[in-house]
Amino acid sequence: MKKLNFGTKLLLVLVSITAVSLSLMIYIISSNTFESLKNQSQEYVNEMAKSNALEIRNTLDKAVVISNTIANRYESAIEHNEKLSKEGTIKYLKEVLNQNKFLLGVWFTFEDGTLVYTKNDDSDKTNYYTKDGVFQPYVVRNSDGSFTIQASADFSLESEWINRPYKNKEVSITEPYNYEIDGKNVLLTTVSSPVYYKGKFVGAVGVDFSLDFFNKKIGEIKLFENGYGALFDNYGKFIAHPKTENIGKYIKDVTKNETILNAIEKSKNGEKNSYFAKNLKTGTDSYNYVYPIQFGDTKNYWTFIATAPEDEYLSEASFVKNFSIIAGVVVLFIIIIVILISMRILNKNLTTIKDGLLGFFSFLNKEEKKAHLIELDSQDEFGQMAKVINENIKKTESLILQDNVLIDDVKRVVDEVKAGYLDKRIEKFTQNESLEELKNNFNGMLEITKQNICIDINKVVAVLDSFGKLDFRPKIENDNGKVAVGINNLATIINKMLVENKTNGLTLDKSSNVLLANVDKLNLSSNEAAASLEETAAALEEVTSNVRNNTQNIA
């Protein structure tokens, strides 16, 4: 990572952050959307179950009302000892069926058939009578709208449709059972109401449903593609189901799935619930909503179950989720491509700026003689940056060139000073305040040095060389430097001293010759004066020595 350039690092960071952020956003949105649509789909299934269950309950409630109404009619007739018209009864029962298309048949039966109707004296040849001559017709509507009328079964408490209202003392519903109607075996369920006279059970009336009615009704339910509804009575028997072979069977005989059995048990207690299990139609995993249907006010509940395969009711949610993921991935790729393109432009601009700066640094490090401007023509931040850098490059280059010219001039002056010329000055100018101050200080130093020493050191050296050769005649001309003036003054003084010493030497030389002659005369004259002469000679010798020393000093 450390070896990667800035653009690559930035690209990796941006792509990573974008990928993580967008992935997290896609996950959250798709999950929330999936859950929302899942809940909506489940709510749709629930509402479908509820609406159909309420429709079935409405049908059952109508049957209860009809059964109770007929029972009340007979109780009133018995109480008032009223004999009802047989023809009117047949007409009334037909009218009940005509007004309630969901009913298959209507019937009544009494322990004493003469309570309401007269017994047949064999004058009536219709088959509305039992073998004992009791008027007890069973009116059934045929599929073509016509009616079949036949005698009901004899009154017997062993018959379920009579025994249940007798035991329950209220309107009751039977388990599905087979009953022969007009020579055909029909699977029925019956709603029957007890008839009382003076508190005693005297008979029962009821209406019949063909389970085909419920099966067709529920079979019309369209719940996604393969979803369906199923109806169970309060005993756990199939009333309606897409697999018609299950109708009339107990649920526990069809499946051992505890989830399904427990759900129906809860419904028998009036509890709504839902569960996930493989459905009994196709065996696919499905969502099931259980809605209990109370039969009248009996606390007996039928069960309606709406079943929706998961792959169907979740298809929209799955589509939206998959679409969100795919769209997110596409957007991520687009963003990455945009980032890549942007980073390519960024890298190009950064490289251009980097190369420009490196070239400028090479110029600063004297590796190149000229600074190159950054060639970046854009209006973005990089363009503005390049513009500012170029302005500074120009300014810095100008300063450096001025500095270089100044330094070259300094070198020239230094060379002149090395050559002994102290009257040379740095003449070039720079905007670099530090170098300009150094230049002024250097020129000031040279000026002071010139004033204190001389203009041309070469002349001083030549004069001093002459002095070394005991030639004190040369002087430093046209120079007001203190050292030059001092040397000139020194030369003048030395010359004066030499002249005086020469004069003194000549005088001493002449005196010495006279003394020598006198000594010779004295030596010749007298030995007595030898000591004196020796002393005089010593004195002269000492004088001579002093003169020589002075002469040497002057030289």
Protein backbone atom coordinates (compact mmCIF):
# COMPACT_ATOMS: atom_id res chain seq x y z
CA MET A 1 0.00 0.00 0.00
CA LYS A 2 2.88 2.35 0.83
CA LYS A 3 4.35 1.84 -2.64
CA LEU A 4 1.14 2.88 -4.41
CA ASN A 5 0.83 6.39 -5.76
CA PHE A 6 -1.66 8.87 -4.37
CA GLY A 7 -4.13 8.46 -7.22
CA THR A 8 -4.23 4.68 -6.84
CA LYS A 9 -4.62 4.96 -3.07
CA LEU A 10 -7.41 7.49 -3.49
CA LEU A 11 -9.04 5.28 -6.10
CA LEU A 12 -8.90 2.24 -3.82
CA VAL A 13 -10.29 4.25 -0.91
CA LEU A 14 -13.10 5.77 -2.99
CA VAL A 15 -14.03 2.48 -4.63
CA SER A 16 -13.91 0.65 -1.29
CA ILE A 17 -16.01 3.26 0.50
CA THR A 18 -18.44 3.47 -2.42
CA ALA A 19 -18.72 -0.31 -2.70
CA VAL A 20 -19.23 -0.80 1.03
CA SER A 21 -21.65 2.13 1.38
CA LEU A 22 -23.65 1.22 -1.71
CA SER A 23 -23.68 -2.47 -0.80
CA LEU A 24 -24.89 -1.62 2.68
CA MET A 25 -27.49 0.73 1.25
CA ILE A 26 -28.62 -1.89 -1.29
CA TYR A 27 -28.79 -4.50 1.45
CA ILE A 28 -30.82 -2.26 3.75
CA ILE A 29 -33.14 -1.00 1.01
CA SER A 30 -33.62 -4.41 -0.61
CA SER A 31 -34.13 -6.08 2.78
CA ASN A 32 -36.60 -3.44 3.93
CA THR A 33 -38.36 -3.49 0.57
CA PHE A 34 -38.42 -7.27 0.58
CA GLU A 35 -39.82 -7.37 4.11
CA SER A 36 -42.33 -4.64 3.27
CA LEU A 37 -43.55 -6.40 0.13
CA LYS A 38 -43.48 -9.73 1.96
CA ASN A 39 -45.65 -8.26 4.69
CA GLN A 40 -47.92 -6.68 2.08
CA SER A 41 -48.24 -10.01 0.27
CA GLN A 42 -48.95 -11.82 3.53
CA GLU A 43 -51.46 -9.12 4.43
CA TYR A 44 -53.05 -9.61 1.03
CA VAL A 45 -53.31 -13.36 1.72
CA ASN A 46 -54.70 -12.58 5.17
CA GLU A 47 -57.29 -10.20 3.76
CA MET A 48 -58.24 -12.73 1.08
CA ALA A 49 -58.70 -15.35 3.78
CA LYS A 50 -60.68 -12.97 5.95
CA SER A 51 -62.98 -11.76 3.16
CA ASN A 52 -63.72 -15.28 1.94
CA ALA A 53 -64.12 -16.57 5.48
CA LEU A 54 -66.57 -13.78 6.25
CA GLU A 55 -68.46 -14.61 3.07
CA ILE A 56 -68.66 -18.25 4.15
CA ARG A 57 -69.73 -17.15 7.62
CA ASN A 58 -72.37 -14.94 6.06
CA THR A 59 -73.64 -17.97 4.16
CA LEU A 60 -73.69 -20.06 7.33
CA ASP A 61 -75.37 -17.25 9.23
CA LYS A 62 -78.06 -17.09 6.56
CA ALA A 63 -78.54 -20.81 6.88
CA VAL A 64 -78.82 -20.45 10.66
CA VAL A 65 -81.35 -17.65 10.28
CA ILE A 66 -83.37 -19.65 7.76
CA SER A 67 -83.28 -22.78 9.92
CA ASN A 68 -84.26 -20.86 13.05
CA THR A 69 -86.97 -18.98 11.17
CA ILE A 70 -88.54 -22.24 9.99
CA ALA A 71 -88.23 -23.67 13.51
CA ASN A 72 -89.92 -20.60 14.99
CA ARG A 73 -92.69 -20.87 12.42
CA TYR A 74 -93.42 -24.45 13.44
CA GLU A 75 -93.17 -23.70 17.16
CA SER A 76 -95.73 -20.93 16.71
CA ALA A 77 -98.05 -23.23 14.76
CA ILE A 78 -97.77 -26.00 17.36
CA GLU A 79 -98.31 -23.56 20.20
CA HIS A 80 -101.48 -22.27 18.59
CA ASN A 81 -102.57 -25.74 17.48
CA GLU A 82 -102.53 -24.54 13.91
CA LYS A 83 -102.58 -26.99 11.04
CA LEU A 84 -100.48 -25.78 8.15
CA SER A 85 -101.30 -26.16 4.50
CA LYS A 86 -99.29 -28.87 2.81
CA GLU A 87 -99.36 -27.05 -0.52
CA GLY A 88 -98.39 -23.80 1.20
CA THR A 89 -95.54 -25.58 2.96
CA ILE A 90 -94.20 -26.99 -0.31
CA LYS A 91 -94.48 -23.58 -1.90
CA TYR A 92 -92.76 -21.93 1.08
CA LEU A 93 -89.89 -24.42 1.06
CA LYS A 94 -89.39 -23.92 -2.66
CA GLU A 95 -89.38 -20.17 -2.14
CA VAL A 96 -86.72 -20.55 0.54
CA LEU A 97 -84.52 -22.44 -1.92
CA ASN A 98 -85.21 -19.97 -4.72
CA GLN A 99 -84.18 -17.04 -2.58
CA ASN A 100 -81.08 -18.77 -1.22
CA LYS A 101 -79.17 -20.30 -4.08
CA PHE A 102 -76.49 -21.63 -1.77
CA LEU A 103 -78.94 -24.13 -0.25
CA LEU A 104 -79.45 -27.56 -1.72
CA GLY A 105 -82.43 -28.71 0.27
CA VAL A 106 -84.77 -27.93 3.13
CA TRP A 107 -86.63 -30.35 5.40
CA PHE A 108 -88.46 -30.85 8.70
CA THR A 109 -89.28 -33.84 10.85
CA PHE A 110 -91.38 -34.36 13.97
CA GLU A 111 -91.63 -37.11 16.48
CA ASP A 112 -95.41 -36.74 16.11
CA GLY A 113 -96.08 -35.90 12.52
CA THR A 114 -99.70 -34.91 13.24
CA LEU A 115 -98.77 -31.87 15.36
CA VAL A 116 -98.83 -29.59 12.36
CA TYR A 117 -100.11 -31.62 9.41
CA THR A 118 -102.90 -34.11 8.97
CA LYS A 119 -101.94 -37.68 8.31
CA ASN A 120 -102.35 -39.04 4.80
CA ASP A 121 -105.47 -41.09 4.37
CA ASP A 122 -104.13 -42.52 1.12
CA SER A 123 -106.01 -39.87 -0.83
CA ASP A 124 -102.78 -37.99 -1.60
CA LYS A 125 -100.66 -40.01 -4.01
CA THR A 126 -97.59 -37.74 -3.85
CA ASN A 127 -94.37 -39.06 -2.35
CA TYR A 128 -94.27 -36.37 0.30
CA TYR A 129 -95.18 -38.84 3.03
CA THR A 130 -93.27 -41.34 5.06
CA LYS A 131 -94.31 -44.98 5.03
CA ASP A 132 -96.42 -44.16 8.08
CA GLY A 133 -98.29 -41.49 6.11
CA VAL A 134 -96.67 -38.56 7.87
CA PHE A 135 -96.32 -35.40 5.74
CA GLN A 136 -92.59 -34.91 5.81
CA PRO A 137 -91.32 -33.71 2.41
CA TYR A 138 -87.65 -33.08 1.63
CA VAL A 139 -87.41 -30.37 -1.06
CA VAL A 140 -84.19 -30.37 -3.12
CA ARG A 141 -83.19 -27.97 -5.89
CA ASN A 142 -81.70 -29.64 -8.94
CA SER A 143 -78.85 -28.22 -10.98
CA ASP A 144 -81.29 -27.12 -13.70
CA GLY A 145 -83.35 -25.12 -11.20
CA SER A 146 -86.16 -27.64 -10.92
CA PHE A 147 -87.09 -29.29 -7.65
CA THR A 148 -87.09 -32.84 -6.47
CA ILE A 149 -89.45 -33.60 -3.60
CA GLN A 150 -89.22 -36.82 -1.67
CA ALA A 151 -90.09 -38.02 1.76
CA SER A 152 -87.59 -37.35 4.50
CA ALA A 153 -86.22 -40.15 6.62
CA ASP A 154 -88.32 -41.16 9.57
CA PHE A 155 -87.80 -39.27 12.79
CA SER A 156 -84.95 -40.86 14.73
CA LEU A 157 -82.66 -39.43 17.37
CA GLU A 158 -79.95 -41.60 15.91
CA SER A 159 -79.91 -39.39 12.83
CA GLU A 160 -77.11 -36.88 13.25
CA TRP A 161 -79.09 -33.95 11.84
CA ILE A 162 -81.73 -34.60 14.53
CA ASN A 163 -79.52 -35.75 17.35
CA ARG A 164 -77.20 -32.73 17.33
CA PRO A 165 -79.84 -30.02 17.83
CA TYR A 166 -81.50 -32.33 20.35
CA LYS A 167 -78.29 -32.64 22.40
CA ASN A 168 -77.02 -29.09 21.87
CA LYS A 169 -80.48 -27.55 22.37
CA GLU A 170 -79.58 -25.01 19.73
CA VAL A 171 -78.95 -24.74 16.05
CA SER A 172 -76.21 -27.19 15.06
CA ILE A 173 -74.26 -28.30 12.05
CA THR A 174 -73.39 -31.85 11.13
CA GLU A 175 -70.26 -33.45 9.88
CA PRO A 176 -70.27 -34.06 6.14
CA TYR A 177 -72.24 -37.17 5.26
CA ASN A 178 -73.53 -38.93 2.18
CA TYR A 179 -77.23 -38.83 1.44
CA GLU A 180 -79.15 -40.24 -1.51
CA ILE A 181 -81.11 -37.63 -3.42
CA ASP A 182 -83.13 -38.62 -6.47
CA GLY A 183 -81.07 -41.76 -6.80
CA LYS A 184 -77.71 -39.98 -6.48
CA ASN A 185 -75.31 -40.13 -3.54
CA VAL A 186 -74.56 -36.52 -2.48
CA LEU A 187 -72.07 -35.35 0.15
CA LEU A 188 -73.95 -32.97 2.42
CA THR A 189 -73.68 -31.01 5.60
CA THR A 190 -76.77 -29.90 7.43
CA VAL A 191 -77.72 -26.94 9.57
CA SER A 192 -80.61 -27.93 11.81
CA SER A 193 -82.59 -26.25 14.57
CA PRO A 194 -84.60 -27.86 17.36
CA VAL A 195 -88.38 -27.39 17.64
CA TYR A 196 -89.81 -27.23 21.15
CA TYR A 197 -93.30 -27.37 22.51
CA LYS A 198 -93.78 -26.58 26.14
CA GLY A 199 -90.06 -27.10 26.71
CA LYS A 200 -90.02 -30.52 25.11
CA PHE A 201 -88.05 -31.43 21.99
CA VAL A 202 -90.65 -32.41 19.42
CA GLY A 203 -88.70 -32.24 16.18
CA ALA A 204 -86.10 -30.54 14.03
CA VAL A 205 -85.94 -28.47 10.87
CA GLY A 206 -82.93 -27.80 8.72
CA VAL A 207 -81.30 -26.82 5.47
CA ASP A 208 -78.66 -28.77 3.56
CA PHE A 209 -75.53 -27.67 1.78
CA SER A 210 -73.92 -29.68 -0.90
CA LEU A 211 -70.20 -29.58 -0.30
CA ASP A 212 -69.90 -29.02 -4.03
CA PHE A 213 -71.28 -25.53 -3.40
CA PHE A 214 -68.47 -24.64 -1.01
CA ASN A 215 -65.90 -26.42 -3.14
CA LYS A 216 -66.94 -24.50 -6.26
CA LYS A 217 -67.14 -21.25 -4.34
CA ILE A 218 -63.73 -21.64 -2.79
CA GLY A 219 -62.32 -23.06 -6.02
CA GLU A 220 -63.08 -19.70 -7.65
CA ILE A 221 -60.62 -18.00 -5.32
CA LYS A 222 -57.63 -16.76 -7.30
CA LEU A 223 -54.61 -16.44 -5.05
CA PHE A 224 -51.54 -15.80 -7.18
CA GLU A 225 -50.90 -18.68 -9.62
CA ASN A 226 -51.29 -21.82 -7.56
CA GLY A 227 -52.58 -20.45 -4.28
CA TYR A 228 -55.88 -21.78 -3.03
CA GLY A 229 -58.37 -21.81 -0.19
CA ALA A 230 -59.45 -24.74 1.94
CA LEU A 231 -62.38 -25.15 4.31
CA PHE A 232 -62.65 -27.46 7.30
CA ASP A 233 -65.59 -28.02 9.61
CA ASN A 234 -65.37 -27.89 13.38
CA TYR A 235 -64.53 -31.60 13.42
CA GLY A 236 -61.46 -31.17 11.25
CA LYS A 237 -63.03 -32.61 8.11
CA PHE A 238 -62.32 -31.27 4.64
CA ILE A 239 -65.30 -29.25 3.36
CA ALA A 240 -63.51 -27.76 0.35
CA HIS A 241 -60.07 -28.37 -1.13
CA PRO A 242 -58.47 -28.39 -4.62
CA LYS A 243 -57.76 -32.11 -4.20
CA THR A 244 -61.34 -33.33 -4.25
CA GLU A 245 -60.31 -36.76 -2.99
CA ASN A 246 -59.63 -35.14 0.39
CA ILE A 247 -63.17 -33.81 0.79
CA GLY A 248 -65.00 -35.53 3.62
CA LYS A 249 -61.77 -36.82 5.17
CA TYR A 250 -60.30 -35.81 8.49
CA ILE A 251 -57.21 -33.62 8.22
CA LYS A 252 -55.34 -35.93 10.60
CA ASP A 253 -55.91 -38.79 8.12
CA VAL A 254 -54.39 -36.78 5.28
CA THR A 255 -51.31 -35.28 6.96
CA LYS A 256 -49.27 -35.86 10.08
CA ASN A 257 -47.68 -32.42 9.93
CA GLU A 258 -47.95 -31.10 13.48
CA THR A 259 -47.74 -27.51 12.30
CA ILE A 260 -50.89 -27.89 10.19
CA LEU A 261 -52.74 -29.91 12.82
CA ASN A 262 -51.87 -27.42 15.57
CA ALA A 263 -52.99 -24.51 13.40
CA ILE A 264 -56.41 -26.11 12.85
CA GLU A 265 -56.70 -26.92 16.56
CA LYS A 266 -56.07 -23.26 17.35
CA SER A 267 -58.74 -22.29 14.84
CA LYS A 268 -61.24 -24.63 16.53
CA ASN A 269 -60.74 -22.44 19.61
CA GLY A 270 -61.42 -19.29 17.59
CA GLU A 271 -57.75 -18.28 17.28
CA LYS A 272 -56.42 -16.74 14.07
CA ASN A 273 -52.93 -17.88 13.18
CA SER A 274 -50.51 -18.43 10.35
CA TYR A 275 -47.83 -20.96 9.58
CA PHE A 276 -45.32 -22.04 6.96
CA ALA A 277 -45.47 -25.58 5.65
CA LYS A 278 -45.59 -27.62 2.47
CA ASN A 279 -49.11 -27.30 1.13
CA LEU A 280 -51.36 -30.31 0.62
CA LYS A 281 -51.91 -29.58 -3.06
CA THR A 282 -48.46 -29.41 -4.65
CA GLY A 283 -46.17 -30.02 -1.68
CA THR A 284 -44.39 -26.69 -2.15
CA ASP A 285 -43.36 -24.44 0.74
CA SER A 286 -46.25 -22.09 1.37
CA TYR A 287 -47.54 -19.37 3.63
CA ASN A 288 -50.87 -20.27 5.21
CA TYR A 289 -53.27 -18.00 7.03
CA VAL A 290 -55.90 -19.60 9.23
CA TYR A 291 -59.16 -17.77 9.87
CA PRO A 292 -61.78 -19.29 12.20
CA ILE A 293 -65.46 -19.06 11.18
CA GLN A 294 -67.85 -19.21 14.09
CA PHE A 295 -71.07 -21.09 13.38
CA GLY A 296 -73.74 -18.75 14.68
CA ASP A 297 -73.18 -18.12 18.37
CA THR A 298 -72.41 -21.73 19.14
CA LYS A 299 -68.66 -21.29 19.78
CA ASN A 300 -68.15 -23.96 17.15
CA TYR A 301 -65.66 -22.88 14.52
CA TRP A 302 -65.07 -23.90 10.97
CA THR A 303 -61.64 -23.16 9.59
CA PHE A 304 -60.76 -21.35 6.39
CA ILE A 305 -57.14 -21.56 5.26
CA ALA A 306 -55.67 -19.40 2.49
CA THR A 307 -52.52 -20.98 1.08
CA ALA A 308 -49.98 -19.13 -1.06
CA PRO A 309 -46.76 -20.76 -2.34
CA GLU A 310 -43.75 -18.82 -1.15
CA ASP A 311 -42.22 -18.53 -4.61
CA GLU A 312 -45.45 -16.92 -5.82
CA TYR A 313 -46.50 -14.58 -3.05
CA LEU A 314 -42.88 -13.51 -2.66
CA SER A 315 -42.30 -13.21 -6.40
CA GLU A 316 -42.86 -9.44 -6.43
CA ALA A 317 -40.76 -8.99 -3.30
CA SER A 318 -38.04 -11.22 -4.76
CA PHE A 319 -38.22 -9.36 -8.06
CA VAL A 320 -37.90 -5.99 -6.35
CA LYS A 321 -35.10 -7.33 -4.16
CA ASN A 322 -33.25 -8.82 -7.12
CA PHE A 323 -33.93 -5.70 -9.17
CA SER A 324 -32.60 -3.55 -6.33
CA ILE A 325 -29.48 -5.70 -6.10
CA ILE A 326 -28.95 -5.73 -9.88
CA ALA A 327 -29.70 -2.01 -10.13
CA GLY A 328 -27.37 -1.39 -7.21
CA VAL A 329 -24.62 -3.45 -8.85
CA VAL A 330 -25.16 -1.60 -12.14
CA VAL A 331 -25.08 1.74 -10.32
CA LEU A 332 -21.98 0.57 -8.46
CA PHE A 333 -20.28 -0.32 -11.75
CA ILE A 334 -21.31 3.03 -13.23
CA ILE A 335 -19.99 4.85 -10.18
CA ILE A 336 -16.76 2.83 -10.31
CA ILE A 337 -16.40 3.61 -14.03
CA VAL A 338 -17.04 7.30 -13.34
CA ILE A 339 -14.53 7.16 -10.49
CA LEU A 340 -12.01 5.37 -12.73
CA ILE A 341 -12.45 7.98 -15.47
CA SER A 342 -12.29 10.78 -12.92
CA MET A 343 -9.25 9.21 -11.30
CA ARG A 344 -7.63 8.80 -14.70
CA ILE A 345 -8.15 12.51 -15.33
CA LEU A 346 -7.03 13.21 -11.77
CA ASN A 347 -3.92 11.05 -12.21
CA LYS A 348 -3.18 12.74 -15.52
CA ASN A 349 -3.53 16.18 -13.96
CA LEU A 350 -1.53 15.14 -10.90
CA THR A 351 1.16 13.63 -13.13
CA THR A 352 1.29 16.83 -15.19
CA ILE A 353 1.58 18.92 -12.04
CA LYS A 354 4.11 16.46 -10.56
CA ASP A 355 6.26 16.52 -13.71
CA GLY A 356 6.06 20.31 -13.77
CA LEU A 357 7.12 20.53 -10.13
CA LEU A 358 9.91 17.97 -10.62
CA GLY A 359 11.16 19.96 -13.61
CA PHE A 360 11.03 23.11 -11.52
CA PHE A 361 12.92 21.38 -8.71
CA SER A 362 15.50 20.23 -11.26
CA PHE A 363 15.86 23.86 -12.24
CA LEU A 364 16.24 24.81 -8.58
CA ASN A 365 18.86 22.08 -8.14
CA LYS A 366 20.78 23.39 -11.17
CA GLU A 367 20.06 20.19 -13.07
CA GLU A 368 18.34 22.18 -15.81
CA LYS A 369 19.00 25.65 -17.09
CA LYS A 370 15.38 26.63 -17.61
CA ALA A 371 12.14 25.99 -15.73
CA HIS A 372 9.25 24.54 -17.74
CA LEU A 373 5.69 25.67 -17.07
CA ILE A 374 2.90 23.18 -16.30
CA GLU A 375 0.83 22.68 -19.45
CA LEU A 376 -2.64 22.13 -17.98
CA ASP A 377 -5.53 24.04 -19.52
CA SER A 378 -8.63 23.42 -17.42
CA GLN A 379 -11.01 25.47 -15.31
CA ASP A 380 -11.13 23.09 -12.38
CA GLU A 381 -9.11 23.16 -9.18
CA PHE A 382 -6.16 21.51 -10.91
CA GLY A 383 -6.19 24.17 -13.62
CA GLN A 384 -6.27 26.89 -10.98
CA MET A 385 -3.52 25.10 -9.06
CA ALA A 386 -1.40 24.83 -12.22
CA LYS A 387 -1.98 28.53 -12.93
CA VAL A 388 -0.83 29.52 -9.44
CA ILE A 389 2.17 27.18 -9.65
CA ASN A 390 3.12 28.58 -13.08
CA GLU A 391 2.94 32.12 -11.74
CA ASN A 392 5.21 31.14 -8.87
CA ILE A 393 7.54 29.27 -11.24
CA LYS A 394 7.86 32.40 -13.37
CA LYS A 395 8.44 34.55 -10.32
CA THR A 396 10.91 32.11 -8.80
CA GLU A 397 12.69 31.62 -12.13
CA SER A 398 13.03 35.38 -12.48
CA LEU A 399 14.42 35.63 -8.95
CA ILE A 400 16.81 32.74 -9.55
CA LEU A 401 18.00 34.25 -12.83
CA GLN A 402 18.53 37.59 -11.07
CA ASP A 403 20.34 35.77 -8.29
CA ASN A 404 22.48 33.90 -10.80
CA VAL A 405 23.38 37.14 -12.58
CA LEU A 406 24.17 38.72 -9.22
CA ILE A 407 26.25 35.72 -8.18
CA ASP A 408 28.14 35.82 -11.48
CA ASP A 409 28.81 39.50 -10.84
CA VAL A 410 29.98 38.60 -7.33
CA LYS A 411 32.32 36.03 -8.84
CA ARG A 412 33.65 38.72 -11.20
CA VAL A 413 34.26 41.13 -8.35
CA VAL A 414 35.84 38.39 -6.24
CA ASP A 415 38.18 37.56 -9.11
CA GLU A 416 39.07 41.27 -9.42
CA VAL A 417 39.70 41.45 -5.68
CA LYS A 418 41.83 38.31 -5.90
CA ALA A 419 43.78 40.11 -8.62
CA GLY A 420 44.34 42.96 -6.15
CA TYR A 421 41.83 45.50 -7.35
CA LEU A 422 39.82 46.82 -4.44
CA ASP A 423 37.95 49.49 -6.38
CA LYS A 424 35.60 47.00 -8.14
CA ARG A 425 31.93 46.77 -7.03
CA ILE A 426 28.96 44.38 -7.49
CA GLU A 427 26.71 46.19 -9.92
CA LYS A 428 23.85 43.74 -10.63
CA PHE A 429 20.46 43.92 -8.87
CA THR A 430 18.13 41.22 -7.52
CA GLN A 431 14.71 41.24 -5.88
CA ASN A 432 16.02 38.73 -3.37
CA GLU A 433 16.27 40.96 -0.33
CA SER A 434 18.79 38.72 1.43
CA LEU A 435 21.17 38.64 -1.52
CA GLU A 436 20.66 42.35 -2.12
CA GLU A 437 21.55 43.04 1.51
CA LEU A 438 24.58 40.74 1.22
CA LYS A 439 25.62 42.61 -1.95
CA ASN A 440 25.39 45.96 -0.22
CA ASN A 441 27.36 44.66 2.76
CA PHE A 442 30.00 43.18 0.46
CA ASN A 443 30.31 46.42 -1.51
CA GLY A 444 30.52 48.34 1.75
CA MET A 445 33.25 46.03 2.98
CA LEU A 446 35.21 46.56 -0.26
CA GLU A 447 34.78 50.31 0.02
CA ILE A 448 36.08 50.36 3.58
CA THR A 449 38.91 48.01 2.61
CA LYS A 450 39.82 50.31 -0.28
CA GLN A 451 39.78 53.31 2.00
CA ASN A 452 41.86 51.59 4.66
CA ILE A 453 44.32 49.85 2.35
CA CYS A 454 44.52 50.94 -1.26
CA ILE A 455 42.91 50.79 -4.67
CA ASP A 456 45.38 48.36 -6.25
CA ILE A 457 47.17 45.91 -4.02
CA ASN A 458 49.47 45.01 -6.92
CA LYS A 459 51.06 48.45 -6.65
CA VAL A 460 51.59 47.97 -2.93
CA VAL A 461 53.18 44.58 -3.54
CA ALA A 462 55.48 46.08 -6.23
CA VAL A 463 56.54 48.89 -3.91
CA LEU A 464 57.14 46.44 -1.06
CA ASP A 465 59.16 44.23 -3.42
CA SER A 466 61.31 47.28 -4.20
CA PHE A 467 61.64 47.93 -0.46
CA GLY A 468 62.82 44.35 -0.09
CA LYS A 469 65.52 45.17 -2.60
CA LEU A 470 66.46 48.27 -0.56
CA ASP A 471 64.98 50.48 -3.25
CA PHE A 472 62.83 52.98 -1.47
CA ARG A 473 62.29 55.25 -4.40
CA PRO A 474 59.04 53.78 -5.90
CA LYS A 475 55.74 55.15 -4.60
CA ILE A 476 52.05 54.15 -4.97
CA GLU A 477 50.59 56.68 -7.31
CA ASN A 478 46.98 57.99 -7.34
CA ASP A 479 45.91 56.02 -4.32
CA ASN A 480 44.41 57.54 -1.19
CA GLY A 481 44.19 54.31 0.76
CA LYS A 482 45.53 54.65 4.25
CA VAL A 483 47.99 51.79 3.81
CA ALA A 484 49.12 53.17 0.43
CA VAL A 485 49.55 56.64 1.89
CA GLY A 486 51.39 55.15 4.87
CA ILE A 487 53.73 53.17 2.63
CA ASN A 488 54.42 56.28 0.58
CA ASN A 489 55.11 58.27 3.75
CA LEU A 490 57.31 55.45 5.05
CA ALA A 491 59.26 55.43 1.80
CA THR A 492 59.78 59.19 2.07
CA ILE A 493 60.98 58.89 5.68
CA ILE A 494 63.30 55.98 4.86
CA ASN A 495 64.73 57.86 1.92
CA LYS A 496 65.43 60.88 4.16
CA MET A 497 67.06 58.63 6.77
CA LEU A 498 69.17 56.94 4.13
CA VAL A 499 70.35 60.29 2.81
CA GLU A 500 71.26 61.41 6.32
CA ASN A 501 72.98 58.12 7.08
CA LYS A 502 74.89 58.34 3.84
CA THR A 503 76.04 61.83 4.72
CA ASN A 504 77.02 60.71 8.20
CA GLY A 505 78.82 57.69 6.77
CA LEU A 506 80.80 59.77 4.37
CA THR A 507 81.73 62.13 7.16
CA LEU A 508 82.75 59.27 9.41
CA ASP A 509 84.70 57.65 6.60
CA LYS A 510 86.64 60.84 6.07
CA SER A 511 87.24 61.24 9.81
CA SER A 512 88.35 57.64 10.03
CA ASN A 513 90.99 58.15 7.39
CA VAL A 514 92.33 61.18 9.27
CA LEU A 515 92.39 59.23 12.48
CA LEU A 516 94.18 56.33 10.85
CA ALA A 517 96.86 58.67 9.57
CA ASN A 518 97.20 60.23 13.00
CA VAL A 519 97.44 56.80 14.58
CA ASP A 520 100.16 55.82 12.24
CA LYS A 521 101.94 59.00 13.20
CA LEU A 522 101.38 58.33 16.85
CA ASN A 523 102.59 54.72 16.55
CA LEU A 524 105.68 55.94 14.94
CA SER A 525 106.05 58.79 17.40
CA SER A 526 105.91 57.13 20.69
CA ASN A 527 105.58 53.84 22.44
CA GLU A 528 104.39 55.71 25.46
CA ALA A 529 101.35 56.66 23.62
CA ALA A 530 100.77 53.01 22.66
CA ALA A 531 98.35 52.35 25.40
CA SER A 532 96.57 55.57 24.66
CA LEU A 533 96.57 54.77 21.01
CA GLU A 534 95.33 51.31 21.70
CA GLU A 535 92.51 52.82 23.68
CA THR A 536 91.93 55.32 20.92
CA ALA A 537 92.04 52.50 18.37
CA ALA A 538 89.58 50.55 20.42
CA ALA A 539 87.37 53.61 20.59
CA LEU A 540 87.66 54.13 16.91
CA GLU A 541 87.00 50.53 16.29
CA GLU A 542 83.88 50.84 18.38
CA VAL A 543 82.83 53.95 16.46
CA THR A 544 83.52 52.18 13.22
CA SER A 545 81.41 49.27 14.37
CA ASN A 546 78.55 51.60 15.22
CA VAL A 547 78.78 53.31 11.87
CA ARG A 548 78.70 50.00 10.11
CA ASN A 549 75.73 48.93 12.09
CA ASN A 550 73.93 52.15 11.26
CA THR A 551 74.84 51.77 7.64
CA GLN A 552 73.49 48.22 7.60
CA ASN A 553 70.34 49.35 9.35
CA ILE A 554 69.84 52.05 6.76
CA ALA A 555 70.44 49.50 4.00
